[in-house]
Protein backbone atom coordinates (compact mmCIF):
# COMPACT_ATOMS: atom_id res chain seq x y z
CA MET A 1 -22.08 -27.25 18.05
CA LYS A 2 -20.92 -25.48 21.17
CA CYS A 3 -18.91 -22.26 20.85
CA PRO A 4 -15.21 -22.92 21.65
CA PHE A 5 -14.93 -19.88 23.93
CA SER A 6 -17.08 -18.14 26.51
CA GLU A 7 -18.87 -14.84 25.93
CA ASP A 8 -16.52 -13.01 28.29
CA SER A 9 -13.29 -14.29 26.72
CA VAL A 10 -10.93 -11.82 25.08
CA ILE A 11 -11.17 -13.65 21.76
CA TYR A 12 -14.96 -13.57 21.76
CA LEU A 13 -15.10 -9.86 22.61
CA LEU A 14 -12.46 -8.93 20.02
CA SER A 15 -14.26 -11.02 17.43
CA ARG A 16 -17.56 -9.24 18.13
CA LEU A 17 -15.85 -5.85 17.95
CA GLN A 18 -14.11 -6.74 14.68
CA ARG A 19 -17.37 -7.94 13.12
CA ARG A 20 -19.17 -4.78 14.21
CA ILE A 21 -16.45 -2.55 12.78
CA PHE A 22 -16.26 -4.63 9.61
CA LYS A 23 -20.00 -4.34 9.12
CA ARG A 24 -20.01 -0.57 9.65
CA LEU A 25 -17.06 0.20 7.45
CA TYR A 26 -17.20 -2.35 4.69
CA SER A 27 -20.72 -3.59 4.09
CA GLY A 28 -21.92 -0.38 2.43
CA LEU A 29 -18.73 0.04 0.43
CA ALA A 30 -18.72 -3.57 -0.67
CA LYS A 31 -22.30 -3.35 -1.90
CA LEU A 32 -21.76 -0.01 -3.61
CA TYR A 33 -18.70 -1.25 -5.50
CA GLU A 34 -19.83 -4.91 -5.81
CA LEU A 35 -16.90 -6.23 -3.82
CA HIS A 36 -16.59 -8.79 -1.09
CA PRO A 37 -15.69 -6.99 2.16
CA GLY A 38 -12.55 -9.10 2.47
CA GLN A 39 -11.20 -7.59 -0.76
CA LEU A 40 -11.19 -4.02 0.50
CA PRO A 41 -8.03 -4.19 2.66
CA MET A 42 -6.06 -5.05 -0.48
CA LEU A 43 -7.33 -1.94 -2.27
CA PHE A 44 -6.56 0.16 0.81
CA LEU A 45 -2.99 -1.17 0.83
CA VAL A 46 -2.45 -0.45 -2.87
CA GLY A 47 -3.90 3.03 -2.40
CA LYS A 48 -1.57 3.70 0.52
CA SER A 49 1.48 2.13 -1.13
CA PRO A 50 1.17 2.44 -4.91
CA GLY A 51 3.54 0.43 -7.05
CA LEU A 52 3.75 -2.67 -4.89
CA SER A 53 4.21 -6.00 -6.64
CA GLN A 54 1.64 -8.75 -6.17
CA LYS A 55 4.27 -10.62 -4.14
CA ASP A 56 4.69 -7.59 -1.84
CA ILE A 57 0.91 -7.31 -1.43
CA ALA A 58 0.60 -11.01 -0.54
CA LYS A 59 3.38 -10.74 2.03
CA ARG A 60 2.01 -7.59 3.68
CA LEU A 61 -1.52 -8.97 3.94
CA GLY A 62 -0.49 -12.51 4.89
CA LEU A 63 -2.20 -14.01 1.83
CA GLU A 64 -1.15 -16.63 -0.66
CA PRO A 65 0.19 -15.18 -3.94
CA GLY A 66 -2.45 -17.13 -5.88
CA THR A 67 -5.22 -15.50 -3.84
CA VAL A 68 -3.79 -12.07 -4.59
CA ALA A 69 -3.52 -12.89 -8.30
CA VAL A 70 -7.21 -13.84 -8.47
CA MET A 71 -8.26 -10.67 -6.63
CA MET A 72 -6.07 -8.51 -8.87
CA LYS A 73 -7.74 -9.95 -11.96
CA ARG A 74 -11.16 -9.11 -10.50
CA PHE A 75 -10.08 -5.59 -9.54
CA GLU A 76 -8.63 -5.02 -13.00
CA LYS A 77 -11.83 -6.26 -14.65
CA LYS A 78 -13.84 -3.81 -12.50
CA GLY A 79 -11.47 -0.98 -13.40
CA LEU A 80 -10.24 -0.50 -9.82
CA ILE A 81 -6.56 -1.17 -10.43
CA TYR A 82 -4.08 -1.22 -13.26
CA ARG A 83 -0.68 -2.85 -13.57
CA LYS A 84 2.56 -1.61 -15.07
CA THR A 85 5.62 -3.65 -15.88
CA ASP A 86 8.58 -2.75 -13.68
CA GLU A 87 11.18 -0.93 -15.79
CA ARG A 88 14.11 -2.62 -14.02
CA ASP A 89 12.65 -6.13 -13.87
CA ARG A 90 10.22 -6.90 -16.70
CA ARG A 91 8.98 -10.01 -14.86
CA VAL A 92 7.44 -7.85 -12.10
CA GLN A 93 4.07 -6.11 -12.41
CA ARG A 94 3.56 -3.02 -10.23
CA VAL A 95 -0.02 -2.39 -9.04
CA TYR A 96 -1.76 1.01 -8.86
CA ILE A 97 -5.33 2.06 -8.07
CA SER A 98 -7.54 3.75 -10.64
CA ASN A 99 -9.46 7.00 -10.26
CA GLU A 100 -12.60 4.97 -9.52
CA ALA A 101 -10.83 3.16 -6.68
CA GLU A 102 -9.60 6.52 -5.39
CA GLY A 103 -13.27 7.48 -5.00
CA LEU A 104 -13.89 4.29 -3.04
CA LEU A 105 -10.94 5.07 -0.77
CA GLU A 106 -12.16 8.62 -0.18
CA HIS A 107 -15.60 7.29 0.73
CA SER A 108 -13.98 4.81 3.13
CA ARG A 109 -11.91 7.55 4.80
CA LYS A 110 -15.13 9.36 5.66
CA LEU A 111 -16.63 6.19 7.12
CA VAL A 112 -13.49 5.59 9.21
CA GLN A 113 -13.50 9.17 10.50
CA ASP A 114 -17.18 8.89 11.45
CA LEU A 115 -16.59 5.64 13.33
CA GLU A 116 -13.53 7.09 15.11
CA VAL A 117 -15.69 10.01 16.29
CA GLU A 118 -18.35 7.60 17.51
CA ILE A 119 -15.80 5.51 19.44
CA LYS A 120 -14.33 8.66 21.01
CA ARG A 121 -17.80 9.56 22.24
CA ILE A 122 -17.94 6.21 24.02
CA LEU A 123 -14.40 6.20 25.44
CA THR A 124 -12.39 8.94 27.12
CA GLN A 125 -9.15 10.04 25.46
CA ASP A 126 -7.18 8.17 28.14
CA GLU A 127 -9.21 5.01 27.46
CA VAL A 128 -8.59 5.34 23.71
CA GLU A 129 -4.83 5.63 24.29
CA GLU A 130 -4.83 2.70 26.73
CA PHE A 131 -6.87 0.56 24.32
CA LYS A 132 -4.45 1.30 21.47
CA ARG A 133 -1.47 0.53 23.71
CA ILE A 134 -2.93 -2.81 24.82
CA VAL A 135 -3.94 -3.88 21.31
CA GLN A 136 -0.47 -2.99 19.98
CA LYS A 137 1.16 -4.95 22.80
CA VAL A 138 -0.92 -8.03 21.93
CA LEU A 139 -0.14 -7.62 18.21
CA ASP A 140 3.59 -7.28 18.91
CA GLY A 141 3.54 -10.37 21.13
CA LEU A 142 1.67 -12.43 18.56
CA ASP A 143 4.00 -11.21 15.80
CA GLN A 144 7.01 -12.37 17.84
CA GLU A 145 5.44 -15.78 18.36
CA ASP A 146 4.52 -16.02 14.66
CA GLU A 147 8.14 -15.40 13.64
CA GLY A 148 9.06 -18.76 15.15
CA VAL A 149 6.29 -20.65 13.36
CA THR A 150 6.80 -22.09 9.89
CA GLU A 151 3.99 -22.25 7.35
CA ASP A 152 3.97 -26.06 7.59
CA GLU A 153 2.94 -26.00 11.26
């Protein structure tokens, strides 16, 4: 099957960059903690914003609530998160990371810092700022377009 885009397309280059970053940051962590690399962003979010509900987590990550529920059960079984019933609304479970997950997050911070240093050796400070500006512009534009799209489309 032929690739749907050329090797010099923006999508192809961004995809390669994302895979390279993903591999550097997550593959070691995922193996160490027996997690799928795709599960780590959820732990990072809960670590950054403790006390979110599963519904909040699903919305922020753009995932289905059922997907989040399955991941939460796995995290809880591994001792990476715990849930508390919301005092004001007993139907809502608030999610928090455990001490073990805090260790995972600290390890990941070091990996991120190391990769940032490596990227800043490749790019000048002006290039880093321009890259961030361009990526944010694309994200903002795509977010605006996504606001007009329903989930059924």
